[in-house]
């Protein structure tokens, strides 16, 4: 087929210059947005973060981090939250020890120091027992072959935190009997 046989001859417009094509292709690196548009975007981001934080605090699965997701992790949290743990005493005890160190008595400071080490020992033993309890109860509920790795450590670390500072917030009351 020759050019004479084709129904369309030429493209019907002049070829744009290279300079014109480059100018048409350029865009600013940072968008030219008004202060109002930025403020609206910031408010939307803030609202989304607030919603995600509330969801995480409430224990909603989709807002939790990878460490806290799953039915076994939720059950482990409930096992820990349903009991009183010695780890909850660490922060108040540390505060008490710091206050006692201001007293100008060597004997009182020494007693406070040994009391603190005693609390640490009790917390270590209690955390070990909480971890074993979490693992045992999870094995009973979900089957012994299905227990996730690290579940005992997860429960032990949660037991060391003060109840009011735990995230996600406790979903069960203390001394609640959990169904296995």
Protein backbone atom coordinates (compact mmCIF):
# COMPACT_ATOMS: atom_id res chain seq x y z
CA UNK A 1 0.00 0.00 0.00
CA UNK A 2 1.44 3.32 -0.98
CA UNK A 3 0.90 6.72 0.54
CA UNK A 4 -1.37 7.65 -2.33
CA UNK A 5 -3.66 4.65 -1.64
CA UNK A 6 -4.10 5.46 2.07
CA UNK A 7 -7.27 7.33 2.97
CA UNK A 8 -5.47 9.66 5.41
CA UNK A 9 -2.65 11.84 4.23
CA UNK A 10 -0.57 13.35 7.07
CA UNK A 11 -1.68 13.85 10.64
CA UNK A 12 -3.45 17.12 10.14
CA UNK A 13 -1.41 19.20 12.61
CA UNK A 14 2.17 20.38 12.95
CA UNK A 15 4.63 18.38 15.02
CA UNK A 16 5.05 20.04 18.43
CA UNK A 17 8.50 21.28 19.23
CA UNK A 18 10.59 19.48 21.83
CA UNK A 19 10.51 22.54 24.07
CA UNK A 20 6.69 22.58 24.08
CA UNK A 21 6.45 18.84 24.86
CA UNK A 22 8.90 19.12 27.77
CA UNK A 23 7.02 22.05 29.25
CA UNK A 24 3.72 20.17 28.97
CA UNK A 25 5.23 17.17 30.77
CA UNK A 26 6.69 19.09 33.74
CA UNK A 27 4.87 19.02 37.07
CA UNK A 28 5.87 20.51 40.39
CA UNK A 29 7.61 18.12 42.81
CA UNK A 30 5.46 19.32 45.69
CA UNK A 31 1.84 19.96 44.91
CA UNK A 32 0.63 23.52 44.84
CA UNK A 33 -2.01 23.19 47.50
CA UNK A 34 -3.75 25.83 49.46
CA UNK A 35 -3.50 26.11 53.23
CA UNK A 36 -7.13 25.10 53.46
CA UNK A 37 -6.53 21.85 51.52
CA UNK A 38 -3.52 21.03 53.73
CA UNK A 39 -5.55 21.73 56.87
CA UNK A 40 -8.37 19.47 55.69
CA UNK A 41 -5.90 16.69 54.89
CA UNK A 42 -4.22 17.05 58.29
CA UNK A 43 -7.58 16.87 60.05
CA UNK A 44 -8.48 13.74 58.09
CA UNK A 45 -5.15 12.09 58.99
CA UNK A 46 -5.59 13.09 62.66
CA UNK A 47 -9.12 11.66 62.71
CA UNK A 48 -7.93 8.40 61.12
CA UNK A 49 -5.12 8.08 63.67
CA UNK A 50 -7.51 8.77 66.54
CA UNK A 51 -9.92 6.14 65.23
CA UNK A 52 -7.07 3.61 64.88
CA UNK A 53 -5.83 4.37 68.41
CA UNK A 54 -9.30 3.92 69.89
CA UNK A 55 -9.68 0.68 67.95
CA UNK A 56 -6.32 -0.57 69.18
CA UNK A 57 -7.15 0.34 72.78
CA UNK A 58 -10.46 -1.49 72.46
CA UNK A 59 -8.68 -4.57 71.08
CA UNK A 60 -10.24 -4.49 67.61
CA UNK A 61 -8.33 -7.01 65.53
CA UNK A 62 -7.81 -4.86 62.43
CA UNK A 63 -6.18 -2.04 64.40
CA UNK A 64 -3.76 -4.23 66.37
CA UNK A 65 -0.12 -4.62 65.47
CA UNK A 66 1.26 -7.92 64.22
CA UNK A 67 2.46 -8.82 67.73
CA UNK A 68 -1.07 -8.67 69.19
CA UNK A 69 -3.17 -10.21 66.41
CA UNK A 70 -4.90 -13.54 66.55
CA UNK A 71 -7.29 -15.47 68.75
CA UNK A 72 -4.51 -17.08 70.80
CA UNK A 73 -2.94 -13.71 71.59
CA UNK A 74 -6.34 -12.37 72.63
CA UNK A 75 -6.87 -15.38 74.87
CA UNK A 76 -3.38 -14.92 76.36
CA UNK A 77 -4.19 -11.27 77.11
CA UNK A 78 -7.42 -12.34 78.80
CA UNK A 79 -5.60 -14.97 80.90
CA UNK A 80 -3.09 -12.38 82.11
CA UNK A 81 -5.69 -9.65 82.65
CA UNK A 82 -7.93 -11.95 84.69
CA UNK A 83 -5.36 -12.25 87.45
CA UNK A 84 -3.28 -10.05 89.72
CA UNK A 85 0.42 -10.21 88.89
CA UNK A 86 3.45 -9.18 90.90
CA UNK A 87 4.74 -7.23 87.90
CA UNK A 88 2.12 -4.59 88.54
CA UNK A 89 3.98 -3.66 91.72
CA UNK A 90 7.32 -2.86 90.07
CA UNK A 91 6.66 0.76 89.13
CA UNK A 92 5.13 1.78 92.48
CA UNK A 93 7.92 -0.08 94.28
CA UNK A 94 10.59 1.72 92.24
CA UNK A 95 8.99 5.04 93.14
CA UNK A 96 9.01 4.06 96.82
CA UNK A 97 12.67 3.02 96.67
CA UNK A 98 13.65 6.31 95.04
CA UNK A 99 11.81 8.20 97.77
CA UNK A 100 13.48 6.13 100.49
CA UNK A 101 16.92 6.88 99.08
CA UNK A 102 16.40 10.54 99.99
CA UNK A 103 16.26 9.57 103.66
CA UNK A 104 19.65 10.04 105.24
CA UNK A 105 19.75 6.62 106.85
CA UNK A 106 21.96 3.87 105.52
CA UNK A 107 19.82 1.14 107.09
CA UNK A 108 16.59 2.36 105.47
CA UNK A 109 18.29 2.70 102.08
CA UNK A 110 19.73 -0.82 102.40
CA UNK A 111 16.35 -2.29 103.38
CA UNK A 112 14.70 -0.51 100.43
CA UNK A 113 17.35 -1.84 98.06
CA UNK A 114 16.95 -5.43 99.25
CA UNK A 115 13.16 -5.08 99.12
CA UNK A 116 13.45 -3.97 95.51
CA UNK A 117 15.64 -6.95 94.62
CA UNK A 118 13.13 -9.18 96.40
CA UNK A 119 10.31 -7.71 94.29
CA UNK A 120 12.37 -8.32 91.14
CA UNK A 121 12.86 -11.97 92.16
CA UNK A 122 9.15 -12.38 92.90
CA UNK A 123 8.27 -10.77 89.55
CA UNK A 124 10.65 -13.11 87.70
CA UNK A 125 9.08 -16.19 89.31
CA UNK A 126 5.54 -14.86 88.83
CA UNK A 127 6.22 -14.05 85.15
CA UNK A 128 7.53 -17.56 84.60
CA UNK A 129 4.40 -19.02 86.21
CA UNK A 130 2.11 -16.71 84.21
CA UNK A 131 3.84 -17.78 80.98
CA UNK A 132 3.39 -21.45 81.83
CA UNK A 133 -0.25 -20.83 82.74
CA UNK A 134 -0.92 -19.00 79.47
CA UNK A 135 0.67 -21.81 77.47
CA UNK A 136 -1.21 -24.52 79.36
CA UNK A 137 -4.62 -22.83 79.11
CA UNK A 138 -4.09 -22.02 75.43
CA UNK A 139 -3.14 -25.64 74.74
CA UNK A 140 -6.31 -26.75 76.50
CA UNK A 141 -8.51 -24.36 74.52
CA UNK A 142 -6.91 -24.49 71.05
CA UNK A 143 -5.20 -27.87 71.08
CA UNK A 144 -1.67 -28.65 72.17
CA UNK A 145 -0.29 -28.85 68.62
CA UNK A 146 -1.69 -25.44 67.66
CA UNK A 147 -0.04 -23.26 70.33
CA UNK A 148 1.82 -20.32 68.76
CA UNK A 149 5.50 -19.86 69.43
CA UNK A 150 6.33 -17.12 71.90
CA UNK A 151 2.93 -17.13 73.57
CA UNK A 152 4.35 -17.74 77.05
CA UNK A 153 6.80 -14.86 76.62
CA UNK A 154 3.97 -12.63 75.35
CA UNK A 155 1.91 -13.39 78.46
CA UNK A 156 4.88 -12.93 80.79
CA UNK A 157 5.75 -9.53 79.30
CA UNK A 158 2.15 -8.38 79.58
CA UNK A 159 2.05 -9.47 83.21
CA UNK A 160 4.96 -7.16 84.05
CA UNK A 161 3.09 -4.05 82.87
CA UNK A 162 0.79 -2.17 85.19
CA UNK A 163 -2.81 -3.03 84.36
CA UNK A 164 -3.77 0.58 83.60
CA UNK A 165 -0.87 0.96 81.11
CA UNK A 166 -1.49 -2.19 79.08
CA UNK A 167 -2.25 -1.84 75.39
CA UNK A 168 -4.71 -3.06 74.25
CA UNK A 169 -6.68 -2.29 77.40
CA UNK A 170 -7.79 -5.28 79.48
CA UNK A 171 -11.08 -6.69 78.21
CA UNK A 172 -11.87 -8.87 81.24
CA UNK A 173 -12.28 -7.99 84.91
CA UNK A 174 -9.83 -9.27 87.49
CA UNK A 175 -10.47 -12.74 88.90
CA UNK A 176 -12.79 -13.60 85.99
CA UNK A 177 -13.07 -17.32 85.29
CA UNK A 178 -12.22 -17.86 81.61
CA UNK A 179 -13.95 -20.51 79.56
CA UNK A 180 -11.59 -23.07 78.10
